[in-house]
PDB file of N, CA and C in Angstrom:
ATOM      1  N   MET A   1      45.179 -55.744  95.167  1.00  0.00           N
ATOM      2  CA  MET A   1      44.815 -55.278  93.837  1.00  0.00           C
ATOM      3  C   MET A   1      45.216 -53.813  93.702  1.00  0.00           C
ATOM      4  N   LYS A   2      45.839 -53.482  92.594  1.00  0.00           N
ATOM      5  CA  LYS A   2      46.222 -52.104  92.322  1.00  0.00           C
ATOM      6  C   LYS A   2      44.999 -51.325  91.866  1.00  0.00           C
ATOM      7  N   SER A   3      45.058 -50.005  91.990  1.00  0.00           N
ATOM      8  CA  SER A   3      43.965 -49.200  91.456  1.00  0.00           C
ATOM      9  C   SER A   3      44.523 -47.960  90.796  1.00  0.00           C
ATOM     10  N   GLN A   4      43.756 -47.435  89.855  1.00  0.00           N
ATOM     11  CA  GLN A   4      44.119 -46.221  89.156  1.00  0.00           C
ATOM     12  C   GLN A   4      43.061 -45.182  89.486  1.00  0.00           C
ATOM     13  N   SER A   5      43.459 -43.950  89.609  1.00  0.00           N
ATOM     14  CA  SER A   5      42.467 -42.905  89.801  1.00  0.00           C
ATOM     15  C   SER A   5      42.987 -41.621  89.199  1.00  0.00           C
ATOM     16  N   SER A   6      42.066 -40.765  88.837  1.00  0.00           N
ATOM     17  CA  SER A   6      42.421 -39.443  88.359  1.00  0.00           C
ATOM     18  C   SER A   6      41.594 -38.446  89.139  1.00  0.00           C
ATOM     19  N   LYS A   7      41.930 -37.174  89.047  1.00  0.00           N
ATOM     20  CA  LYS A   7      41.213 -36.163  89.811  1.00  0.00           C
ATOM     21  C   LYS A   7      39.715 -36.249  89.578  1.00  0.00           C
ATOM     22  N   GLY A   8      38.968 -36.293  90.663  1.00  0.00           N
ATOM     23  CA  GLY A   8      37.519 -36.256  90.558  1.00  0.00           C
ATOM     24  C   GLY A   8      36.855 -37.566  90.203  1.00  0.00           C
ATOM     25  N   SER A   9      37.612 -38.647  90.058  1.00  0.00           N
ATOM     26  CA  SER A   9      36.976 -39.924  89.747  1.00  0.00           C
ATOM     27  C   SER A   9      37.357 -40.940  90.809  1.00  0.00           C
ATOM     28  N   PRO A  10      36.467 -41.897  91.067  1.00  0.00           N
ATOM     29  CA  PRO A  10      36.770 -42.917  92.074  1.00  0.00           C
ATOM     30  C   PRO A  10      37.883 -43.841  91.589  1.00  0.00           C
ATOM     31  N   ALA A  11      38.489 -44.543  92.522  1.00  0.00           N
ATOM     32  CA  ALA A  11      39.544 -45.502  92.174  1.00  0.00           C
ATOM     33  C   ALA A  11      38.973 -46.608  91.307  1.00  0.00           C
ATOM     34  N   ILE A  12      39.695 -46.969  90.267  1.00  0.00           N
ATOM     35  CA  ILE A  12      39.297 -48.028  89.348  1.00  0.00           C
ATOM     36  C   ILE A  12      40.299 -49.158  89.496  1.00  0.00           C
ATOM     37  N   PRO A  13      39.820 -50.389  89.729  1.00  0.00           N
ATOM     38  CA  PRO A  13      40.768 -51.495  89.847  1.00  0.00           C
ATOM     39  C   PRO A  13      41.605 -51.627  88.582  1.00  0.00           C
ATOM     40  N   ALA A  14      42.901 -51.814  88.756  1.00  0.00           N
ATOM     41  CA  ALA A  14      43.806 -51.950  87.618  1.00  0.00           C
ATOM     42  C   ALA A  14      44.051 -53.419  87.329  1.00  0.00           C
ATOM     43  N   GLY A  15      44.313 -53.723  86.070  1.00  0.00           N
ATOM     44  CA  GLY A  15      44.632 -55.091  85.677  1.00  0.00           C
ATOM     45  C   GLY A  15      46.121 -55.335  85.789  1.00  0.00           C
ATOM     46  N   GLU A  16      46.574 -56.327  85.092  1.00  0.00           N
ATOM     47  CA  GLU A  16      47.982 -56.684  85.114  1.00  0.00           C
ATOM     48  C   GLU A  16      48.798 -55.920  84.080  1.00  0.00           C
ATOM     49  N   GLY A  17      48.131 -55.196  83.184  1.00  0.00           N
ATOM     50  CA  GLY A  17      48.847 -54.383  82.221  1.00  0.00           C
ATOM     51  C   GLY A  17      49.313 -55.126  80.981  1.00  0.00           C
ATOM     52  N   ILE A  18      48.817 -56.335  80.739  1.00  0.00           N
ATOM     53  CA  ILE A  18      49.256 -57.087  79.555  1.00  0.00           C
ATOM     54  C   ILE A  18      48.188 -57.151  78.465  1.00  0.00           C
ATOM     55  N   GLY A  19      46.979 -56.706  78.747  1.00  0.00           N
ATOM     56  CA  GLY A  19      45.876 -56.823  77.800  1.00  0.00           C
ATOM     57  C   GLY A  19      46.144 -56.155  76.474  1.00  0.00           C
ATOM     58  N   LEU A  20      46.645 -54.929  76.501  1.00  0.00           N
ATOM     59  CA  LEU A  20      46.868 -54.199  75.258  1.00  0.00           C
ATOM     60  C   LEU A  20      47.971 -54.848  74.423  1.00  0.00           C
ATOM     61  N   SER A  21      48.980 -55.403  75.054  1.00  0.00           N
ATOM     62  CA  SER A  21      50.038 -56.069  74.287  1.00  0.00           C
ATOM     63  C   SER A  21      49.501 -57.340  73.618  1.00  0.00           C
ATOM     64  N   ILE A  22      48.570 -58.031  74.277  1.00  0.00           N
ATOM     65  CA  ILE A  22      47.951 -59.209  73.666  1.00  0.00           C
ATOM     66  C   ILE A  22      47.100 -58.794  72.477  1.00  0.00           C
ATOM     67  N   VAL A  23      46.314 -57.724  72.639  1.00  0.00           N
ATOM     68  CA  VAL A  23      45.487 -57.227  71.541  1.00  0.00           C
ATOM     69  C   VAL A  23      46.365 -56.799  70.371  1.00  0.00           C
ATOM     70  N   LYS A  24      47.465 -56.116  70.652  1.00  0.00           N
ATOM     71  CA  LYS A  24      48.377 -55.675  69.595  1.00  0.00           C
ATOM     72  C   LYS A  24      48.919 -56.873  68.820  1.00  0.00           C
ATOM     73  N   ARG A  25      49.318 -57.910  69.518  1.00  0.00           N
ATOM     74  CA  ARG A  25      49.860 -59.111  68.866  1.00  0.00           C
ATOM     75  C   ARG A  25      48.787 -59.808  68.028  1.00  0.00           C
ATOM     76  N   LEU A  26      47.569 -59.901  68.552  1.00  0.00           N
ATOM     77  CA  LEU A  26      46.482 -60.496  67.778  1.00  0.00           C
ATOM     78  C   LEU A  26      46.204 -59.692  66.511  1.00  0.00           C
ATOM     79  N   CYS A  27      46.269 -58.373  66.618  1.00  0.00           N
ATOM     80  CA  CYS A  27      46.077 -57.527  65.437  1.00  0.00           C
ATOM     81  C   CYS A  27      47.146 -57.814  64.388  1.00  0.00           C
ATOM     82  N   GLU A  28      48.381 -57.999  64.830  1.00  0.00           N
ATOM     83  CA  GLU A  28      49.456 -58.325  63.894  1.00  0.00           C
ATOM     84  C   GLU A  28      49.191 -59.665  63.213  1.00  0.00           C
ATOM     85  N   LEU A  29      48.765 -60.661  63.967  1.00  0.00           N
ATOM     86  CA  LEU A  29      48.511 -61.992  63.417  1.00  0.00           C
ATOM     87  C   LEU A  29      47.319 -62.006  62.464  1.00  0.00           C
ATOM     88  N   LEU A  30      46.314 -61.171  62.737  1.00  0.00           N
ATOM     89  CA  LEU A  30      45.086 -61.161  61.936  1.00  0.00           C
ATOM     90  C   LEU A  30      45.067 -60.073  60.877  1.00  0.00           C
ATOM     91  N   ASP A  31      46.182 -59.386  60.695  1.00  0.00           N
ATOM     92  CA  ASP A  31      46.268 -58.288  59.728  1.00  0.00           C
ATOM     93  C   ASP A  31      45.202 -57.229  60.003  1.00  0.00           C
ATOM     94  N   ALA A  32      44.990 -56.945  61.282  1.00  0.00           N
ATOM     95  CA  ALA A  32      44.013 -55.945  61.718  1.00  0.00           C
ATOM     96  C   ALA A  32      44.746 -54.689  62.160  1.00  0.00           C
ATOM     97  N   SER A  33      43.995 -53.622  62.348  1.00  0.00           N
ATOM     98  CA  SER A  33      44.601 -52.400  62.866  1.00  0.00           C
ATOM     99  C   SER A  33      43.974 -52.058  64.206  1.00  0.00           C
ATOM    100  N   LEU A  34      44.724 -51.373  65.024  1.00  0.00           N
ATOM    101  CA  LEU A  34      44.283 -50.947  66.344  1.00  0.00           C
ATOM    102  C   LEU A  34      44.244 -49.431  66.346  1.00  0.00           C
ATOM    103  N   GLU A  35      43.073 -48.866  66.606  1.00  0.00           N
ATOM    104  CA  GLU A  35      42.912 -47.416  66.615  1.00  0.00           C
ATOM    105  C   GLU A  35      42.584 -46.966  68.032  1.00  0.00           C
ATOM    106  N   LEU A  36      43.141 -45.831  68.425  1.00  0.00           N
ATOM    107  CA  LEU A  36      42.909 -45.270  69.753  1.00  0.00           C
ATOM    108  C   LEU A  36      42.422 -43.846  69.631  1.00  0.00           C
ATOM    109  N   GLU A  37      41.431 -43.492  70.440  1.00  0.00           N
ATOM    110  CA  GLU A  37      40.965 -42.110  70.530  1.00  0.00           C
ATOM    111  C   GLU A  37      40.889 -41.755  71.999  1.00  0.00           C
ATOM    112  N   THR A  38      41.486 -40.631  72.384  1.00  0.00           N
ATOM    113  CA  THR A  38      41.472 -40.191  73.765  1.00  0.00           C
ATOM    114  C   THR A  38      40.895 -38.797  73.850  1.00  0.00           C
ATOM    115  N   ALA A  39      39.981 -38.599  74.781  1.00  0.00           N
ATOM    116  CA  ALA A  39      39.400 -37.286  75.035  1.00  0.00           C
ATOM    117  C   ALA A  39      39.540 -36.994  76.522  1.00  0.00           C
ATOM    118  N   ALA A  40      40.155 -35.871  76.845  1.00  0.00           N
ATOM    119  CA  ALA A  40      40.365 -35.495  78.242  1.00  0.00           C
ATOM    120  C   ALA A  40      39.034 -35.450  78.984  1.00  0.00           C
ATOM    121  N   GLY A  41      38.992 -36.086  80.122  1.00  0.00           N
ATOM    122  CA  GLY A  41      37.791 -36.102  80.938  1.00  0.00           C
ATOM    123  C   GLY A  41      36.732 -37.083  80.488  1.00  0.00           C
ATOM    124  N   GLU A  42      36.925 -37.727  79.332  1.00  0.00           N
ATOM    125  CA  GLU A  42      35.939 -38.676  78.815  1.00  0.00           C
ATOM    126  C   GLU A  42      36.470 -40.098  78.773  1.00  0.00           C
ATOM    127  N   GLY A  43      37.757 -40.255  78.546  1.00  0.00           N
ATOM    128  CA  GLY A  43      38.337 -41.592  78.498  1.00  0.00           C
ATOM    129  C   GLY A  43      38.936 -41.915  77.148  1.00  0.00           C
ATOM    130  N   THR A  44      39.239 -43.178  76.959  1.00  0.00           N
ATOM    131  CA  THR A  44      39.894 -43.647  75.738  1.00  0.00           C
ATOM    132  C   THR A  44      39.056 -44.735  75.090  1.00  0.00           C
ATOM    133  N   THR A  45      38.939 -44.673  73.767  1.00  0.00           N
ATOM    134  CA  THR A  45      38.250 -45.701  72.990  1.00  0.00           C
ATOM    135  C   THR A  45      39.291 -46.475  72.207  1.00  0.00           C
ATOM    136  N   PHE A  46      39.255 -47.795  72.330  1.00  0.00           N
ATOM    137  CA  PHE A  46      40.126 -48.688  71.585  1.00  0.00           C
ATOM    138  C   PHE A  46      39.270 -49.382  70.540  1.00  0.00           C
ATOM    139  N   ARG A  47      39.701 -49.349  69.294  1.00  0.00           N
ATOM    140  CA  ARG A  47      38.927 -49.956  68.205  1.00  0.00           C
ATOM    141  C   ARG A  47      39.835 -50.895  67.429  1.00  0.00           C
ATOM    142  N   VAL A  48      39.383 -52.145  67.257  1.00  0.00           N
ATOM    143  CA  VAL A  48      40.102 -53.120  66.445  1.00  0.00           C
ATOM    144  C   VAL A  48      39.354 -53.233  65.124  1.00  0.00           C
ATOM    145  N   VAL A  49      40.060 -53.013  64.013  1.00  0.00           N
ATOM    146  CA  VAL A  49      39.456 -53.074  62.685  1.00  0.00           C
ATOM    147  C   VAL A  49      40.039 -54.281  61.967  1.00  0.00           C
ATOM    148  N   LEU A  50      39.155 -55.248  61.694  1.00  0.00           N
ATOM    149  CA  LEU A  50      39.553 -56.479  61.010  1.00  0.00           C
ATOM    150  C   LEU A  50      39.285 -56.350  59.521  1.00  0.00           C
ATOM    151  N   PRO A  51      40.102 -57.009  58.689  1.00  0.00           N
ATOM    152  CA  PRO A  51      39.839 -56.982  57.247  1.00  0.00           C
ATOM    153  C   PRO A  51      38.533 -57.711  56.945  1.00  0.00           C
ATOM    154  N   ARG A  52      37.809 -57.228  55.957  1.00  0.00           N
ATOM    155  CA  ARG A  52      36.557 -57.899  55.565  1.00  0.00           C
ATOM    156  C   ARG A  52      36.845 -59.251  54.926  1.00  0.00           C
ATOM    157  N   VAL A  53      37.916 -59.323  54.152  1.00  0.00           N
ATOM    158  CA  VAL A  53      38.278 -60.548  53.438  1.00  0.00           C
ATOM    159  C   VAL A  53      39.777 -60.755  53.572  1.00  0.00           C
ATOM    160  N   TYR A  54      40.157 -61.976  53.811  1.00  0.00           N
ATOM    161  CA  TYR A  54      41.566 -62.330  53.810  1.00  0.00           C
ATOM    162  C   TYR A  54      41.895 -62.879  52.432  1.00  0.00           C
ATOM    163  N   PRO A  55      42.991 -62.449  51.811  1.00  0.00           N
ATOM    164  CA  PRO A  55      43.313 -62.832  50.440  1.00  0.00           C
ATOM    165  C   PRO A  55      43.346 -64.336  50.193  1.00  0.00           C
ATOM    166  N   ASP A  56      43.850 -65.126  51.121  1.00  0.00           N
ATOM    167  CA  ASP A  56      43.980 -66.567  50.882  1.00  0.00           C
ATOM    168  C   ASP A  56      42.874 -67.384  51.547  1.00  0.00           C
ATOM    169  N   ALA A  57      41.800 -66.740  51.976  1.00  0.00           N
ATOM    170  CA  ALA A  57      40.708 -67.450  52.641  1.00  0.00           C
ATOM    171  C   ALA A  57      39.783 -68.098  51.618  1.00  0.00           C
ATOM    172  N   ALA A  58      39.314 -69.284  51.944  1.00  0.00           N
ATOM    173  CA  ALA A  58      38.360 -69.980  51.081  1.00  0.00           C
ATOM    174  C   ALA A  58      36.978 -69.369  51.289  1.00  0.00           C
ATOM    175  N   PRO A  59      36.132 -69.393  50.268  1.00  0.00           N
ATOM    176  CA  PRO A  59      34.758 -68.897  50.439  1.00  0.00           C
ATOM    177  C   PRO A  59      34.024 -69.691  51.507  1.00  0.00           C
ATOM    178  N   ALA A  60      33.063 -69.065  52.170  1.00  0.00           N
ATOM    179  CA  ALA A  60      32.338 -69.696  53.265  1.00  0.00           C
ATOM    180  C   ALA A  60      31.608 -70.967  52.820  1.00  0.00           C
ATOM    181  N   ASP A  61      31.178 -71.025  51.566  1.00  0.00           N
ATOM    182  CA  ASP A  61      30.437 -72.198  51.093  1.00  0.00           C
ATOM    183  C   ASP A  61      31.331 -73.258  50.434  1.00  0.00           C
ATOM    184  N   ALA A  62      32.643 -73.078  50.507  1.00  0.00           N
ATOM    185  CA  ALA A  62      33.569 -74.041  49.912  1.00  0.00           C
ATOM    186  C   ALA A  62      33.638 -75.293  50.777  1.00  0.00           C
ATOM    187  N   PRO A  63      33.795 -76.466  50.155  1.00  0.00           N
ATOM    188  CA  PRO A  63      33.934 -77.699  50.958  1.00  0.00           C
ATOM    189  C   PRO A  63      35.260 -77.686  51.695  1.00  0.00           C
ATOM    190  N   PRO A  64      35.336 -78.380  52.835  1.00  0.00           N
ATOM    191  CA  PRO A  64      36.592 -78.412  53.589  1.00  0.00           C
ATOM    192  C   PRO A  64      37.696 -79.084  52.794  1.00  0.00           C
ATOM    193  N   PRO A  65      38.946 -78.701  53.027  1.00  0.00           N
ATOM    194  CA  PRO A  65      40.061 -79.329  52.291  1.00  0.00           C
ATOM    195  C   PRO A  65      40.168 -80.812  52.631  1.00  0.00           C
ATOM    196  N   ALA A  66      40.613 -81.596  51.672  1.00  0.00           N
ATOM    197  CA  ALA A  66      40.727 -83.059  51.866  1.00  0.00           C
ATOM    198  C   ALA A  66      41.979 -83.428  52.589  1.00  0.00           C
TER     199      ALA A  66
END
């Protein structure tokens, strides 16, 4: 298993490196946005923002299509 470390922090097990590309693709498919915030010494926050309503979506109380 690979690990990542930075000065003053213990080694952190690393993944395969494909997670963010999967999230990016899902955001494209769902018309969502991916926001990143990085603060030195604190880390990085990844935020996925989904649309509240999709233009062609049926209302939640609509009967299923025939």
